[in-house]
PDB file of N, CA and C in Angstrom:
ATOM      1  N   MET A   1      21.823   5.855  -5.192  1.00  0.00           N
ATOM      2  CA  MET A   1      21.313   5.204  -5.678  1.00  0.00           C
ATOM      3  C   MET A   1      19.534   4.797  -4.997  1.00  0.00           C
ATOM      4  N   LYS A   2      19.793   4.568  -3.054  1.00  0.00           N
ATOM      5  CA  LYS A   2      19.034   4.118  -2.373  1.00  0.00           C
ATOM      6  C   LYS A   2      18.346   5.711  -2.404  1.00  0.00           C
ATOM      7  N   THR A   3      18.497   6.085  -2.584  1.00  0.00           N
ATOM      8  CA  THR A   3      17.670   7.864  -2.517  1.00  0.00           C
ATOM      9  C   THR A   3      16.696   7.930  -3.786  1.00  0.00           C
ATOM     10  N   LEU A   4      17.035   7.710  -4.650  1.00  0.00           N
ATOM     11  CA  LEU A   4      16.317   7.458  -6.056  1.00  0.00           C
ATOM     12  C   LEU A   4      15.061   6.273  -5.939  1.00  0.00           C
ATOM     13  N   GLN A   5      15.501   5.199  -5.680  1.00  0.00           N
ATOM     14  CA  GLN A   5      14.661   4.036  -5.477  1.00  0.00           C
ATOM     15  C   GLN A   5      13.378   4.582  -4.015  1.00  0.00           C
ATOM     16  N   LYS A   6      13.862   5.035  -3.270  1.00  0.00           N
ATOM     17  CA  LYS A   6      12.896   5.511  -2.252  1.00  0.00           C
ATOM     18  C   LYS A   6      11.943   6.813  -2.670  1.00  0.00           C
ATOM     19  N   VAL A   7      12.363   7.465  -3.097  1.00  0.00           N
ATOM     20  CA  VAL A   7      11.638   8.788  -3.990  1.00  0.00           C
ATOM     21  C   VAL A   7      10.941   7.985  -5.187  1.00  0.00           C
ATOM     22  N   CYS A   8      11.042   7.202  -6.121  1.00  0.00           N
ATOM     23  CA  CYS A   8      10.151   6.684  -7.041  1.00  0.00           C
ATOM     24  C   CYS A   8       9.669   5.567  -6.177  1.00  0.00           C
ATOM     25  N   LEU A   9       9.690   4.875  -5.359  1.00  0.00           N
ATOM     26  CA  LEU A   9       8.741   3.968  -4.454  1.00  0.00           C
ATOM     27  C   LEU A   9       7.725   4.509  -4.043  1.00  0.00           C
ATOM     28  N   VAL A  10       8.235   5.955  -3.691  1.00  0.00           N
ATOM     29  CA  VAL A  10       6.895   6.615  -3.133  1.00  0.00           C
ATOM     30  C   VAL A  10       5.847   7.273  -4.394  1.00  0.00           C
ATOM     31  N   PHE A  11       6.457   7.488  -5.308  1.00  0.00           N
ATOM     32  CA  PHE A  11       5.663   7.814  -6.694  1.00  0.00           C
ATOM     33  C   PHE A  11       5.068   6.965  -7.083  1.00  0.00           C
ATOM     34  N   THR A  12       5.121   5.674  -7.145  1.00  0.00           N
ATOM     35  CA  THR A  12       4.906   4.253  -7.549  1.00  0.00           C
ATOM     36  C   THR A  12       3.447   3.889  -6.278  1.00  0.00           C
ATOM     37  N   ILE A  13       3.948   4.337  -5.304  1.00  0.00           N
ATOM     38  CA  ILE A  13       2.681   4.097  -4.354  1.00  0.00           C
ATOM     39  C   ILE A  13       1.440   5.000  -4.533  1.00  0.00           C
ATOM     40  N   ILE A  14       1.670   6.240  -4.742  1.00  0.00           N
ATOM     41  CA  ILE A  14       1.049   7.201  -5.104  1.00  0.00           C
ATOM     42  C   ILE A  14       0.232   7.017  -6.546  1.00  0.00           C
ATOM     43  N   GLY A  15       0.527   6.294  -7.537  1.00  0.00           N
ATOM     44  CA  GLY A  15      -0.143   5.844  -8.733  1.00  0.00           C
ATOM     45  C   GLY A  15      -0.434   4.620  -8.194  1.00  0.00           C
ATOM     46  N   ALA A  16      -0.581   4.124  -7.527  1.00  0.00           N
ATOM     47  CA  ALA A  16      -1.108   2.662  -7.368  1.00  0.00           C
ATOM     48  C   ALA A  16      -2.494   2.759  -6.307  1.00  0.00           C
ATOM     49  N   VAL A  17      -2.065   3.914  -5.693  1.00  0.00           N
ATOM     50  CA  VAL A  17      -3.231   4.413  -4.682  1.00  0.00           C
ATOM     51  C   VAL A  17      -4.355   4.952  -5.584  1.00  0.00           C
ATOM     52  N   ASN A  18      -3.958   5.573  -6.709  1.00  0.00           N
ATOM     53  CA  ASN A  18      -4.454   6.492  -7.564  1.00  0.00           C
ATOM     54  C   ASN A  18      -5.496   5.532  -8.253  1.00  0.00           C
ATOM     55  N   TRP A  19      -4.919   4.447  -8.778  1.00  0.00           N
ATOM     56  CA  TRP A  19      -5.502   3.509  -9.757  1.00  0.00           C
ATOM     57  C   TRP A  19      -6.535   2.622  -8.398  1.00  0.00           C
ATOM     58  N   GLY A  20      -5.887   2.486  -7.577  1.00  0.00           N
ATOM     59  CA  GLY A  20      -7.259   1.528  -6.655  1.00  0.00           C
ATOM     60  C   GLY A  20      -8.329   2.348  -6.175  1.00  0.00           C
ATOM     61  N   LEU A  21      -8.129   3.910  -6.296  1.00  0.00           N
ATOM     62  CA  LEU A  21      -9.560   4.663  -5.918  1.00  0.00           C
ATOM     63  C   LEU A  21      -9.966   5.014  -7.183  1.00  0.00           C
ATOM     64  N   ILE A  22      -9.950   4.767  -8.426  1.00  0.00           N
ATOM     65  CA  ILE A  22     -10.278   4.637  -9.630  1.00  0.00           C
ATOM     66  C   ILE A  22     -11.246   3.380  -9.847  1.00  0.00           C
ATOM     67  N   GLY A  23     -10.174   2.402  -9.811  1.00  0.00           N
ATOM     68  CA  GLY A  23     -10.966   0.803  -9.598  1.00  0.00           C
ATOM     69  C   GLY A  23     -12.341   0.705  -8.454  1.00  0.00           C
ATOM     70  N   LEU A  24     -11.916   1.315  -7.416  1.00  0.00           N
ATOM     71  CA  LEU A  24     -13.206   1.423  -6.393  1.00  0.00           C
ATOM     72  C   LEU A  24     -14.157   2.294  -6.593  1.00  0.00           C
ATOM     73  N   PHE A  25     -13.893   3.277  -6.381  1.00  0.00           N
ATOM     74  CA  PHE A  25     -14.418   4.397  -6.758  1.00  0.00           C
ATOM     75  C   PHE A  25     -15.064   5.454  -7.780  1.00  0.00           C
ATOM     76  N   ASP A  26     -14.570   4.844  -9.226  1.00  0.00           N
ATOM     77  CA  ASP A  26     -14.444   5.698  -9.931  1.00  0.00           C
ATOM     78  C   ASP A  26     -13.983   7.456  -9.434  1.00  0.00           C
ATOM     79  N   PHE A  27     -12.908   7.757  -9.120  1.00  0.00           N
ATOM     80  CA  PHE A  27     -12.458   8.463  -8.678  1.00  0.00           C
ATOM     81  C   PHE A  27     -10.984   8.853  -8.720  1.00  0.00           C
ATOM     82  N   ASN A  28     -10.231   9.943  -9.564  1.00  0.00           N
ATOM     83  CA  ASN A  28      -9.315   9.937 -10.118  1.00  0.00           C
ATOM     84  C   ASN A  28      -8.682  11.055  -8.848  1.00  0.00           C
ATOM     85  N   LEU A  29      -7.717  10.789  -7.862  1.00  0.00           N
ATOM     86  CA  LEU A  29      -7.633  11.843  -7.101  1.00  0.00           C
ATOM     87  C   LEU A  29      -6.495  12.895  -7.781  1.00  0.00           C
ATOM     88  N   VAL A  30      -5.917  12.268  -8.757  1.00  0.00           N
ATOM     89  CA  VAL A  30      -4.787  13.180  -8.944  1.00  0.00           C
ATOM     90  C   VAL A  30      -5.407  14.107 -10.042  1.00  0.00           C
ATOM     91  N   GLU A  31      -6.334  13.802 -11.077  1.00  0.00           N
ATOM     92  CA  GLU A  31      -7.306  14.777 -11.446  1.00  0.00           C
ATOM     93  C   GLU A  31      -8.175  15.999 -10.639  1.00  0.00           C
ATOM     94  N   THR A  32      -8.458  15.278  -9.574  1.00  0.00           N
ATOM     95  CA  THR A  32      -9.364  15.800  -8.813  1.00  0.00           C
ATOM     96  C   THR A  32      -8.198  17.214  -8.176  1.00  0.00           C
ATOM     97  N   MET A  33      -7.090  17.136  -8.033  1.00  0.00           N
ATOM     98  CA  MET A  33      -6.028  18.160  -7.283  1.00  0.00           C
ATOM     99  C   MET A  33      -5.634  19.147  -8.214  1.00  0.00           C
ATOM    100  N   PHE A  34      -5.134  18.557  -9.400  1.00  0.00           N
ATOM    101  CA  PHE A  34      -4.683  19.186 -10.365  1.00  0.00           C
ATOM    102  C   PHE A  34      -5.651  19.688 -11.367  1.00  0.00           C
ATOM    103  N   GLY A  35      -6.751  19.231 -11.754  1.00  0.00           N
ATOM    104  CA  GLY A  35      -7.766  19.105 -12.854  1.00  0.00           C
ATOM    105  C   GLY A  35      -7.376  18.484 -14.314  1.00  0.00           C
ATOM    106  N   THR A  36      -8.231  18.337 -15.190  1.00  0.00           N
ATOM    107  CA  THR A  36      -8.195  17.442 -16.276  1.00  0.00           C
ATOM    108  C   THR A  36      -7.451  18.200 -17.477  1.00  0.00           C
ATOM    109  N   ASP A  37      -6.581  17.860 -18.083  1.00  0.00           N
ATOM    110  CA  ASP A  37      -6.136  18.527 -19.178  1.00  0.00           C
ATOM    111  C   ASP A  37      -5.181  19.595 -18.963  1.00  0.00           C
ATOM    112  N   ASN A  38      -4.192  19.298 -17.863  1.00  0.00           N
ATOM    113  CA  ASN A  38      -3.312  19.971 -17.068  1.00  0.00           C
ATOM    114  C   ASN A  38      -1.811  19.782 -17.147  1.00  0.00           C
ATOM    115  N   VAL A  39      -1.248  20.374 -17.428  1.00  0.00           N
ATOM    116  CA  VAL A  39       0.434  20.271 -17.602  1.00  0.00           C
ATOM    117  C   VAL A  39       0.587  19.623 -16.412  1.00  0.00           C
ATOM    118  N   ILE A  40       0.284  19.800 -15.000  1.00  0.00           N
ATOM    119  CA  ILE A  40       1.010  19.165 -13.787  1.00  0.00           C
ATOM    120  C   ILE A  40      -0.029  17.944 -13.654  1.00  0.00           C
ATOM    121  N   THR A  41      -1.216  17.738 -13.994  1.00  0.00           N
ATOM    122  CA  THR A  41      -1.554  16.088 -13.940  1.00  0.00           C
ATOM    123  C   THR A  41      -0.611  15.284 -14.913  1.00  0.00           C
ATOM    124  N   ARG A  42      -0.432  15.629 -16.053  1.00  0.00           N
ATOM    125  CA  ARG A  42       0.421  14.940 -17.245  1.00  0.00           C
ATOM    126  C   ARG A  42       2.266  14.806 -16.513  1.00  0.00           C
ATOM    127  N   ILE A  43       2.480  15.739 -15.718  1.00  0.00           N
ATOM    128  CA  ILE A  43       3.532  15.514 -15.317  1.00  0.00           C
ATOM    129  C   ILE A  43       3.340  14.537 -13.921  1.00  0.00           C
ATOM    130  N   VAL A  44       2.791  14.535 -13.025  1.00  0.00           N
ATOM    131  CA  VAL A  44       2.284  13.909 -12.479  1.00  0.00           C
ATOM    132  C   VAL A  44       2.361  12.195 -13.075  1.00  0.00           C
ATOM    133  N   TYR A  45       1.613  12.240 -13.748  1.00  0.00           N
ATOM    134  CA  TYR A  45       1.522  10.784 -14.739  1.00  0.00           C
ATOM    135  C   TYR A  45       2.919  10.387 -15.015  1.00  0.00           C
ATOM    136  N   VAL A  46       3.502  11.402 -15.711  1.00  0.00           N
ATOM    137  CA  VAL A  46       4.607  11.045 -16.818  1.00  0.00           C
ATOM    138  C   VAL A  46       5.894  10.357 -15.211  1.00  0.00           C
ATOM    139  N   LEU A  47       5.992  10.945 -14.098  1.00  0.00           N
ATOM    140  CA  LEU A  47       6.632  10.738 -13.364  1.00  0.00           C
ATOM    141  C   LEU A  47       6.679   9.278 -12.288  1.00  0.00           C
ATOM    142  N   VAL A  48       5.052   9.029 -12.261  1.00  0.00           N
ATOM    143  CA  VAL A  48       4.338   7.782 -11.675  1.00  0.00           C
ATOM    144  C   VAL A  48       5.177   6.555 -12.530  1.00  0.00           C
ATOM    145  N   GLY A  49       4.712   6.841 -13.810  1.00  0.00           N
ATOM    146  CA  GLY A  49       5.289   6.089 -14.863  1.00  0.00           C
ATOM    147  C   GLY A  49       7.200   5.439 -14.884  1.00  0.00           C
ATOM    148  N   ILE A  50       8.106   6.687 -14.956  1.00  0.00           N
ATOM    149  CA  ILE A  50       9.187   6.470 -14.829  1.00  0.00           C
ATOM    150  C   ILE A  50       9.511   6.136 -13.576  1.00  0.00           C
ATOM    151  N   ALA A  51       8.868   6.467 -12.571  1.00  0.00           N
ATOM    152  CA  ALA A  51       8.876   5.326 -11.065  1.00  0.00           C
ATOM    153  C   ALA A  51       9.003   4.152 -11.603  1.00  0.00           C
ATOM    154  N   GLY A  52       7.824   4.047 -11.830  1.00  0.00           N
ATOM    155  CA  GLY A  52       7.662   2.696 -12.082  1.00  0.00           C
ATOM    156  C   GLY A  52       8.946   1.599 -12.992  1.00  0.00           C
ATOM    157  N   ILE A  53       9.211   2.351 -13.947  1.00  0.00           N
ATOM    158  CA  ILE A  53      10.375   1.769 -14.574  1.00  0.00           C
ATOM    159  C   ILE A  53      11.374   1.785 -13.829  1.00  0.00           C
ATOM    160  N   ILE A  54      12.011   2.221 -13.043  1.00  0.00           N
ATOM    161  CA  ILE A  54      12.861   2.654 -12.144  1.00  0.00           C
ATOM    162  C   ILE A  54      12.683   1.264 -10.917  1.00  0.00           C
ATOM    163  N   ASN A  55      11.396   1.361 -10.668  1.00  0.00           N
ATOM    164  CA  ASN A  55      11.651   0.262  -9.667  1.00  0.00           C
ATOM    165  C   ASN A  55      11.538  -1.222 -10.287  1.00  0.00           C
ATOM    166  N   ILE A  56      11.528  -1.307 -11.362  1.00  0.00           N
ATOM    167  CA  ILE A  56      11.742  -2.586 -12.010  1.00  0.00           C
ATOM    168  C   ILE A  56      13.018  -3.161 -11.508  1.00  0.00           C
ATOM    169  N   SER A  57      14.382  -2.408 -11.626  1.00  0.00           N
ATOM    170  CA  SER A  57      15.471  -3.027 -10.472  1.00  0.00           C
ATOM    171  C   SER A  57      15.115  -3.557  -9.370  1.00  0.00           C
ATOM    172  N   LEU A  58      13.927  -3.362  -8.694  1.00  0.00           N
ATOM    173  CA  LEU A  58      14.000  -3.813  -7.254  1.00  0.00           C
ATOM    174  C   LEU A  58      13.440  -5.357  -7.365  1.00  0.00           C
ATOM    175  N   LEU A  59      13.010  -5.747  -8.311  1.00  0.00           N
ATOM    176  CA  LEU A  59      12.885  -7.056  -8.686  1.00  0.00           C
ATOM    177  C   LEU A  59      14.255  -8.017  -8.932  1.00  0.00           C
ATOM    178  N   PHE A  60      14.991  -7.493  -9.068  1.00  0.00           N
ATOM    179  CA  PHE A  60      16.592  -8.128  -9.563  1.00  0.00           C
ATOM    180  C   PHE A  60      17.605  -7.974  -7.701  1.00  0.00           C
ATOM    181  N   GLU A  61      17.290  -7.412  -7.095  1.00  0.00           N
ATOM    182  CA  GLU A  61      17.836  -6.651  -6.112  1.00  0.00           C
ATOM    183  C   GLU A  61      17.868  -8.043  -5.349  1.00  0.00           C
ATOM    184  N   ASP A  62      19.160  -8.207  -4.441  1.00  0.00           N
ATOM    185  CA  ASP A  62      19.378  -8.977  -3.336  1.00  0.00           C
ATOM    186  C   ASP A  62      18.888  -8.589  -2.201  1.00  0.00           C
ATOM    187  N   TRP A  63      17.977  -9.330  -1.573  1.00  0.00           N
ATOM    188  CA  TRP A  63      17.427  -8.934  -0.405  1.00  0.00           C
ATOM    189  C   TRP A  63      17.811  -9.629   0.824  1.00  0.00           C
ATOM    190  N   ASP A  64      19.167 -10.294   0.813  1.00  0.00           N
ATOM    191  CA  ASP A  64      19.739 -11.067   1.741  1.00  0.00           C
ATOM    192  C   ASP A  64      20.678 -10.028   2.782  1.00  0.00           C
ATOM    193  N   ASP A  65      20.557  -8.443   2.391  1.00  0.00           N
ATOM    194  CA  ASP A  65      21.626  -7.339   2.599  1.00  0.00           C
ATOM    195  C   ASP A  65      20.845  -7.380   4.058  1.00  0.00           C
TER     196      ASP A  65
END
């Protein structure tokens, strides 16, 4: 499970950086890389969303390990 959470964390960070670029510079990195209305773009957005949902469990993890 730790590997899955690390992969999901990477996708969540990618999503966060993309939203930061959109907010600061009105620049969408994902659409620039893969194009608009593209299946790959939609897959990236879906993976980022699923990763964010999986990472919700990090809120409830014991950090004293």
